[in-house]
Amino acid sequence: MSVDVVINFEGLPGHAAELRSLLSQGRDISRAADGCESFELYQREDDENKFVFLERWATIELHHANMANNIVASGHLARILPLIVGPPDNGVIRLVE
């Protein structure tokens, strides 16, 4: 069964364009990863410094593998961290019916 993941980022003022570029790169890296079923990046219209990833993965293990191998080990996350107000807020979500 697929899992949905949400990750919220709040960028430091004055760095929205640079952060958007790095998050777009991360989205593209992740879309090519094993088990990625969908991966979208959103930017808030009312606050250019706030971004959200909405992701769907075949399994949570494949999501974790992508993060470990493609985002953390590659140094991509290290390039993002200085541009955000704190650690990303993330978790697995489920649809409420």
N, C-alpha and C. Protein backbone atom coordinates (compact mmCIF):
# COMPACT_ATOMS: atom_id res chain seq x y z
N MET A 1 0.84 -1.18 0.00
CA MET A 1 0.00 0.00 0.00
C MET A 1 0.89 1.25 0.00
N SER A 2 0.54 2.20 -0.83
CA SER A 2 1.32 3.44 -0.93
C SER A 2 1.22 4.26 0.34
N VAL A 3 2.25 5.10 0.55
CA VAL A 3 2.24 6.03 1.68
C VAL A 3 2.40 7.45 1.14
N ASP A 4 1.72 8.37 1.80
CA ASP A 4 1.80 9.79 1.46
C ASP A 4 2.62 10.49 2.52
N VAL A 5 3.50 11.38 2.07
CA VAL A 5 4.39 12.11 2.95
C VAL A 5 4.24 13.60 2.66
N VAL A 6 4.23 14.40 3.71
CA VAL A 6 4.21 15.86 3.57
C VAL A 6 5.44 16.41 4.28
N ILE A 7 6.09 17.38 3.65
CA ILE A 7 7.24 18.04 4.26
C ILE A 7 7.08 19.54 4.06
N ASN A 8 7.10 20.28 5.17
CA ASN A 8 6.96 21.73 5.16
C ASN A 8 8.31 22.38 5.42
N PHE A 9 8.61 23.41 4.62
CA PHE A 9 9.84 24.18 4.76
C PHE A 9 9.48 25.64 4.92
N GLU A 10 10.15 26.33 5.84
CA GLU A 10 10.01 27.78 5.94
C GLU A 10 11.38 28.39 5.69
N GLY A 11 11.47 29.12 4.61
CA GLY A 11 12.74 29.73 4.23
C GLY A 11 13.03 31.01 4.99
N LEU A 12 14.30 31.31 5.10
CA LEU A 12 14.71 32.59 5.68
C LEU A 12 14.32 33.72 4.74
N PRO A 13 13.86 34.84 5.27
CA PRO A 13 13.50 35.97 4.41
C PRO A 13 14.65 36.34 3.48
N GLY A 14 14.30 36.63 2.24
CA GLY A 14 15.29 37.02 1.26
C GLY A 14 15.93 35.87 0.51
N HIS A 15 15.56 34.63 0.83
CA HIS A 15 16.17 33.46 0.20
C HIS A 15 15.17 32.58 -0.54
N ALA A 16 13.95 33.08 -0.79
CA ALA A 16 12.90 32.25 -1.38
C ALA A 16 13.30 31.71 -2.75
N ALA A 17 13.90 32.52 -3.59
CA ALA A 17 14.25 32.06 -4.94
C ALA A 17 15.32 30.98 -4.90
N GLU A 18 16.34 31.16 -4.07
CA GLU A 18 17.40 30.17 -3.95
C GLU A 18 16.87 28.87 -3.36
N LEU A 19 16.02 28.98 -2.34
CA LEU A 19 15.43 27.79 -1.74
C LEU A 19 14.52 27.07 -2.74
N ARG A 20 13.71 27.83 -3.46
CA ARG A 20 12.81 27.22 -4.46
C ARG A 20 13.63 26.41 -5.48
N SER A 21 14.75 26.96 -5.92
CA SER A 21 15.59 26.26 -6.88
C SER A 21 16.12 24.94 -6.30
N LEU A 22 16.62 24.96 -5.07
CA LEU A 22 17.13 23.74 -4.45
C LEU A 22 16.02 22.72 -4.20
N LEU A 23 14.85 23.19 -3.77
CA LEU A 23 13.74 22.27 -3.54
C LEU A 23 13.27 21.66 -4.86
N SER A 24 13.29 22.43 -5.93
CA SER A 24 12.93 21.90 -7.25
C SER A 24 13.91 20.83 -7.68
N GLN A 25 15.18 21.04 -7.42
CA GLN A 25 16.19 20.04 -7.74
C GLN A 25 15.95 18.75 -6.93
N GLY A 26 15.64 18.92 -5.65
CA GLY A 26 15.35 17.76 -4.80
C GLY A 26 14.12 17.01 -5.28
N ARG A 27 13.11 17.75 -5.71
CA ARG A 27 11.90 17.13 -6.28
C ARG A 27 12.27 16.28 -7.49
N ASP A 28 13.08 16.85 -8.38
CA ASP A 28 13.44 16.13 -9.60
C ASP A 28 14.29 14.90 -9.31
N ILE A 29 15.20 15.00 -8.36
CA ILE A 29 16.00 13.84 -7.94
C ILE A 29 15.08 12.75 -7.41
N SER A 30 14.14 13.15 -6.56
CA SER A 30 13.26 12.19 -5.90
C SER A 30 12.27 11.56 -6.87
N ARG A 31 11.80 12.32 -7.85
CA ARG A 31 10.87 11.75 -8.84
C ARG A 31 11.49 10.58 -9.59
N ALA A 32 12.81 10.60 -9.75
CA ALA A 32 13.50 9.54 -10.48
C ALA A 32 13.84 8.34 -9.59
N ALA A 33 13.60 8.44 -8.30
CA ALA A 33 13.98 7.38 -7.35
C ALA A 33 13.02 6.20 -7.42
N ASP A 34 13.57 5.02 -7.11
CA ASP A 34 12.74 3.82 -7.03
C ASP A 34 11.62 4.02 -6.02
N GLY A 35 10.41 3.67 -6.42
CA GLY A 35 9.27 3.72 -5.52
C GLY A 35 8.53 5.03 -5.48
N CYS A 36 9.04 6.08 -6.15
CA CYS A 36 8.33 7.36 -6.15
C CYS A 36 7.15 7.27 -7.11
N GLU A 37 5.95 7.48 -6.59
CA GLU A 37 4.75 7.45 -7.41
C GLU A 37 4.30 8.85 -7.80
N SER A 38 4.54 9.82 -6.94
CA SER A 38 4.31 11.23 -7.28
C SER A 38 5.08 12.09 -6.29
N PHE A 39 5.44 13.28 -6.75
CA PHE A 39 6.24 14.17 -5.91
C PHE A 39 6.01 15.59 -6.42
N GLU A 40 5.34 16.40 -5.62
CA GLU A 40 5.01 17.77 -6.03
C GLU A 40 5.58 18.77 -5.04
N LEU A 41 5.95 19.93 -5.55
CA LEU A 41 6.43 21.05 -4.74
C LEU A 41 5.43 22.19 -4.86
N TYR A 42 5.01 22.73 -3.72
CA TYR A 42 4.10 23.86 -3.69
C TYR A 42 4.75 25.02 -2.94
N GLN A 43 4.40 26.23 -3.36
CA GLN A 43 4.84 27.44 -2.66
C GLN A 43 3.59 28.21 -2.28
N ARG A 44 3.55 28.67 -1.05
CA ARG A 44 2.38 29.42 -0.58
C ARG A 44 2.25 30.73 -1.34
N GLU A 45 1.04 31.07 -1.75
CA GLU A 45 0.79 32.34 -2.43
C GLU A 45 0.85 33.51 -1.47
N ASP A 46 0.50 33.29 -0.20
CA ASP A 46 0.46 34.38 0.77
C ASP A 46 1.77 34.55 1.53
N ASP A 47 2.74 33.67 1.30
CA ASP A 47 4.04 33.78 1.97
C ASP A 47 5.08 33.05 1.12
N GLU A 48 5.85 33.81 0.37
CA GLU A 48 6.79 33.20 -0.58
C GLU A 48 7.87 32.36 0.09
N ASN A 49 8.02 32.47 1.40
CA ASN A 49 9.05 31.73 2.12
C ASN A 49 8.60 30.35 2.58
N LYS A 50 7.34 29.98 2.32
CA LYS A 50 6.83 28.69 2.79
C LYS A 50 6.58 27.76 1.60
N PHE A 51 7.11 26.54 1.74
CA PHE A 51 7.04 25.52 0.69
C PHE A 51 6.56 24.21 1.29
N VAL A 52 5.96 23.38 0.44
CA VAL A 52 5.46 22.07 0.86
C VAL A 52 5.78 21.05 -0.22
N PHE A 53 6.31 19.91 0.20
CA PHE A 53 6.40 18.73 -0.66
C PHE A 53 5.22 17.84 -0.33
N LEU A 54 4.49 17.38 -1.33
CA LEU A 54 3.50 16.32 -1.17
C LEU A 54 3.99 15.15 -2.00
N GLU A 55 4.22 14.02 -1.35
CA GLU A 55 4.86 12.88 -1.98
C GLU A 55 4.02 11.62 -1.81
N ARG A 56 4.12 10.72 -2.77
CA ARG A 56 3.53 9.39 -2.63
C ARG A 56 4.61 8.38 -3.01
N TRP A 57 4.78 7.39 -2.12
CA TRP A 57 5.81 6.37 -2.29
C TRP A 57 5.18 4.99 -2.21
N ALA A 58 5.77 4.04 -2.92
CA ALA A 58 5.28 2.66 -2.88
C ALA A 58 5.36 2.10 -1.47
N THR A 59 6.45 2.44 -0.76
CA THR A 59 6.61 2.02 0.64
C THR A 59 7.36 3.11 1.39
N ILE A 60 7.22 3.13 2.69
CA ILE A 60 7.96 4.10 3.50
C ILE A 60 9.46 3.80 3.44
N GLU A 61 9.81 2.54 3.29
CA GLU A 61 11.23 2.18 3.20
C GLU A 61 11.88 2.79 1.95
N LEU A 62 11.16 2.82 0.84
CA LEU A 62 11.71 3.43 -0.37
C LEU A 62 11.83 4.95 -0.21
N HIS A 63 10.90 5.55 0.50
CA HIS A 63 11.03 6.99 0.81
C HIS A 63 12.29 7.22 1.64
N HIS A 64 12.47 6.43 2.69
CA HIS A 64 13.65 6.57 3.55
C HIS A 64 14.95 6.33 2.77
N ALA A 65 14.94 5.35 1.88
CA ALA A 65 16.13 5.07 1.07
C ALA A 65 16.46 6.25 0.17
N ASN A 66 15.46 6.86 -0.43
CA ASN A 66 15.70 8.04 -1.25
C ASN A 66 16.30 9.16 -0.42
N MET A 67 15.73 9.42 0.74
CA MET A 67 16.27 10.47 1.59
C MET A 67 17.71 10.19 1.97
N ALA A 68 17.99 8.99 2.40
CA ALA A 68 19.34 8.64 2.85
C ALA A 68 20.35 8.69 1.71
N ASN A 69 20.02 8.09 0.59
CA ASN A 69 20.99 7.92 -0.49
C ASN A 69 21.06 9.11 -1.45
N ASN A 70 19.92 9.69 -1.78
CA ASN A 70 19.88 10.72 -2.83
C ASN A 70 19.86 12.14 -2.29
N ILE A 71 19.37 12.33 -1.09
CA ILE A 71 19.24 13.68 -0.56
C ILE A 71 20.28 13.97 0.52
N VAL A 72 20.42 13.10 1.50
CA VAL A 72 21.38 13.35 2.60
C VAL A 72 22.80 13.03 2.16
N ALA A 73 23.05 11.81 1.70
CA ALA A 73 24.42 11.39 1.36
C ALA A 73 25.03 12.22 0.23
N SER A 74 24.18 12.72 -0.66
CA SER A 74 24.67 13.52 -1.79
C SER A 74 25.07 14.94 -1.38
N GLY A 75 24.67 15.35 -0.18
CA GLY A 75 24.94 16.72 0.28
C GLY A 75 23.84 17.70 -0.08
N HIS A 76 22.80 17.23 -0.75
CA HIS A 76 21.73 18.15 -1.16
C HIS A 76 21.02 18.78 0.05
N LEU A 77 20.71 17.97 1.05
CA LEU A 77 20.05 18.51 2.24
C LEU A 77 20.94 19.55 2.93
N ALA A 78 22.23 19.31 2.96
CA ALA A 78 23.16 20.26 3.60
C ALA A 78 23.13 21.63 2.91
N ARG A 79 22.80 21.67 1.63
CA ARG A 79 22.70 22.94 0.91
C ARG A 79 21.39 23.67 1.25
N ILE A 80 20.37 22.91 1.63
CA ILE A 80 19.06 23.49 1.95
C ILE A 80 19.02 24.03 3.38
N LEU A 81 19.61 23.32 4.32
CA LEU A 81 19.48 23.65 5.74
C LEU A 81 19.85 25.10 6.09
N PRO A 82 20.90 25.70 5.52
CA PRO A 82 21.22 27.09 5.89
C PRO A 82 20.19 28.12 5.41
N LEU A 83 19.27 27.69 4.55
CA LEU A 83 18.28 28.61 3.97
C LEU A 83 16.92 28.53 4.63
N ILE A 84 16.78 27.66 5.63
CA ILE A 84 15.46 27.49 6.26
C ILE A 84 15.50 27.85 7.73
N VAL A 85 14.31 28.15 8.26
CA VAL A 85 14.15 28.62 9.64
C VAL A 85 14.21 27.47 10.62
N GLY A 86 14.58 26.39 10.46
CA GLY A 86 14.57 25.28 11.39
C GLY A 86 14.43 24.01 10.60
N PRO A 87 14.41 22.89 11.27
CA PRO A 87 14.31 21.64 10.52
C PRO A 87 12.98 21.53 9.81
N PRO A 88 12.96 20.85 8.67
CA PRO A 88 11.68 20.65 7.97
C PRO A 88 10.71 19.88 8.86
N ASP A 89 9.45 20.24 8.77
CA ASP A 89 8.39 19.53 9.49
C ASP A 89 7.86 18.48 8.53
N ASN A 90 7.97 17.20 8.90
CA ASN A 90 7.57 16.15 7.96
C ASN A 90 6.89 15.01 8.67
N GLY A 91 6.13 14.26 7.89
CA GLY A 91 5.47 13.08 8.42
C GLY A 91 4.64 12.39 7.38
N VAL A 92 4.23 11.17 7.71
CA VAL A 92 3.33 10.40 6.86
C VAL A 92 1.92 10.89 7.16
N ILE A 93 1.14 11.09 6.11
CA ILE A 93 -0.23 11.56 6.27
C ILE A 93 -1.20 10.53 5.68
N ARG A 94 -2.45 10.63 6.09
CA ARG A 94 -3.49 9.78 5.52
C ARG A 94 -4.75 10.60 5.30
N LEU A 95 -5.48 10.22 4.30
CA LEU A 95 -6.73 10.88 3.95
C LEU A 95 -7.79 10.56 5.00
N VAL A 96 -8.47 11.57 5.45
CA VAL A 96 -9.57 11.40 6.39
C VAL A 96 -10.87 11.46 5.60
N GLU A 97 -11.65 10.42 5.71
CA GLU A 97 -12.91 10.37 4.97
C GLU A 97 -14.09 10.52 5.89
